[in-house]
């Protein structure tokens, strides 16, 4: 991914990836996902999340 997304956007993209995935017949709801796309989203979430958590902690600390 070239542009930086927020965690909310990335989770939405993750949900869309699952919703748009090919359903496996007779599998009880299992789907086939593009491994590289899924791993890219996970890596981007891992990259963005620490900054968001640090910002959230700073906001909470400033309120106390």
C-alpha atoms as a PDB file:
ATOM      1  CA  UNK A   1       0.000   0.000   0.000  1.00  0.00           C
ATOM      2  CA  UNK A   2       1.377   3.343  -1.023  1.00  0.00           C
ATOM      3  CA  UNK A   3      -0.646   5.696   1.143  1.00  0.00           C
ATOM      4  CA  UNK A   4      -0.952   5.661   4.906  1.00  0.00           C
ATOM      5  CA  UNK A   5      -4.313   4.467   6.228  1.00  0.00           C
ATOM      6  CA  UNK A   6      -5.830   4.765   9.689  1.00  0.00           C
ATOM      7  CA  UNK A   7      -6.443   1.649  11.744  1.00  0.00           C
ATOM      8  CA  UNK A   8     -10.195   2.096  11.177  1.00  0.00           C
ATOM      9  CA  UNK A   9      -9.694   2.186   7.404  1.00  0.00           C
ATOM     10  CA  UNK A  10      -7.437  -0.857   7.511  1.00  0.00           C
ATOM     11  CA  UNK A  11      -9.914  -2.860   9.574  1.00  0.00           C
ATOM     12  CA  UNK A  12     -12.635  -1.873   7.093  1.00  0.00           C
ATOM     13  CA  UNK A  13     -10.418  -3.061   4.225  1.00  0.00           C
ATOM     14  CA  UNK A  14      -9.805  -6.307   6.097  1.00  0.00           C
ATOM     15  CA  UNK A  15     -13.542  -6.818   6.498  1.00  0.00           C
ATOM     16  CA  UNK A  16     -14.093  -6.103   2.807  1.00  0.00           C
ATOM     17  CA  UNK A  17     -11.404  -8.624   1.906  1.00  0.00           C
ATOM     18  CA  UNK A  18     -13.213 -11.300   3.910  1.00  0.00           C
ATOM     19  CA  UNK A  19     -16.668 -10.316   2.619  1.00  0.00           C
ATOM     20  CA  UNK A  20     -15.467 -10.352  -1.000  1.00  0.00           C
ATOM     21  CA  UNK A  21     -13.581 -13.639  -0.624  1.00  0.00           C
ATOM     22  CA  UNK A  22     -14.587 -16.748  -2.536  1.00  0.00           C
ATOM     23  CA  UNK A  23     -16.689 -19.082  -0.388  1.00  0.00           C
ATOM     24  CA  UNK A  24     -15.673 -22.717  -0.310  1.00  0.00           C
ATOM     25  CA  UNK A  25     -18.649 -24.988  -1.022  1.00  0.00           C
ATOM     26  CA  UNK A  26     -19.708 -27.301   1.814  1.00  0.00           C
ATOM     27  CA  UNK A  27     -17.108 -25.800   4.154  1.00  0.00           C
ATOM     28  CA  UNK A  28     -19.287 -24.289   6.861  1.00  0.00           C
ATOM     29  CA  UNK A  29     -18.612 -20.666   5.883  1.00  0.00           C
ATOM     30  CA  UNK A  30     -14.883 -20.902   5.189  1.00  0.00           C
ATOM     31  CA  UNK A  31     -13.473 -18.615   2.499  1.00  0.00           C
ATOM     32  CA  UNK A  32     -10.376 -18.409   0.324  1.00  0.00           C
ATOM     33  CA  UNK A  33      -8.300 -15.249   0.863  1.00  0.00           C
ATOM     34  CA  UNK A  34      -5.395 -13.765  -1.048  1.00  0.00           C
ATOM     35  CA  UNK A  35      -2.518 -14.468   1.345  1.00  0.00           C
ATOM     36  CA  UNK A  36      -0.340 -11.567   0.161  1.00  0.00           C
ATOM     37  CA  UNK A  37      -3.187  -9.041   0.412  1.00  0.00           C
ATOM     38  CA  UNK A  38      -4.113 -10.262   3.891  1.00  0.00           C
ATOM     39  CA  UNK A  39      -0.502 -10.175   5.100  1.00  0.00           C
ATOM     40  CA  UNK A  40      -0.048  -6.671   3.639  1.00  0.00           C
ATOM     41  CA  UNK A  41      -3.062  -5.438   5.616  1.00  0.00           C
ATOM     42  CA  UNK A  42      -1.836  -7.107   8.814  1.00  0.00           C
ATOM     43  CA  UNK A  43       1.626  -5.560   8.418  1.00  0.00           C
ATOM     44  CA  UNK A  44       0.158  -2.114   7.816  1.00  0.00           C
ATOM     45  CA  UNK A  45      -2.089  -2.433  10.881  1.00  0.00           C
ATOM     46  CA  UNK A  46       0.961  -3.432  12.941  1.00  0.00           C
ATOM     47  CA  UNK A  47       2.834  -0.386  11.620  1.00  0.00           C
ATOM     48  CA  UNK A  48       0.035   2.112  12.340  1.00  0.00           C
ATOM     49  CA  UNK A  49      -1.273   0.755  15.637  1.00  0.00           C
ATOM     50  CA  UNK A  50       1.671   1.682  17.923  1.00  0.00           C
ATOM     51  CA  UNK A  51       1.432   5.356  16.895  1.00  0.00           C
ATOM     52  CA  UNK A  52      -2.319   5.403  17.427  1.00  0.00           C
ATOM     53  CA  UNK A  53      -1.946   3.757  20.835  1.00  0.00           C
ATOM     54  CA  UNK A  54       0.755   6.227  21.852  1.00  0.00           C
ATOM     55  CA  UNK A  55      -1.475   9.129  20.816  1.00  0.00           C
ATOM     56  CA  UNK A  56      -4.436   7.663  22.730  1.00  0.00           C
ATOM     57  CA  UNK A  57      -2.315   7.225  25.857  1.00  0.00           C
ATOM     58  CA  UNK A  58      -1.163  10.855  25.621  1.00  0.00           C
ATOM     59  CA  UNK A  59      -4.765  12.066  25.345  1.00  0.00           C
ATOM     60  CA  UNK A  60      -5.831  10.007  28.361  1.00  0.00           C
ATOM     61  CA  UNK A  61      -2.824  11.214  30.368  1.00  0.00           C
ATOM     62  CA  UNK A  62      -3.583  14.857  29.557  1.00  0.00           C
ATOM     63  CA  UNK A  63      -7.123  14.437  30.911  1.00  0.00           C
ATOM     64  CA  UNK A  64      -5.888  13.149  34.274  1.00  0.00           C
END
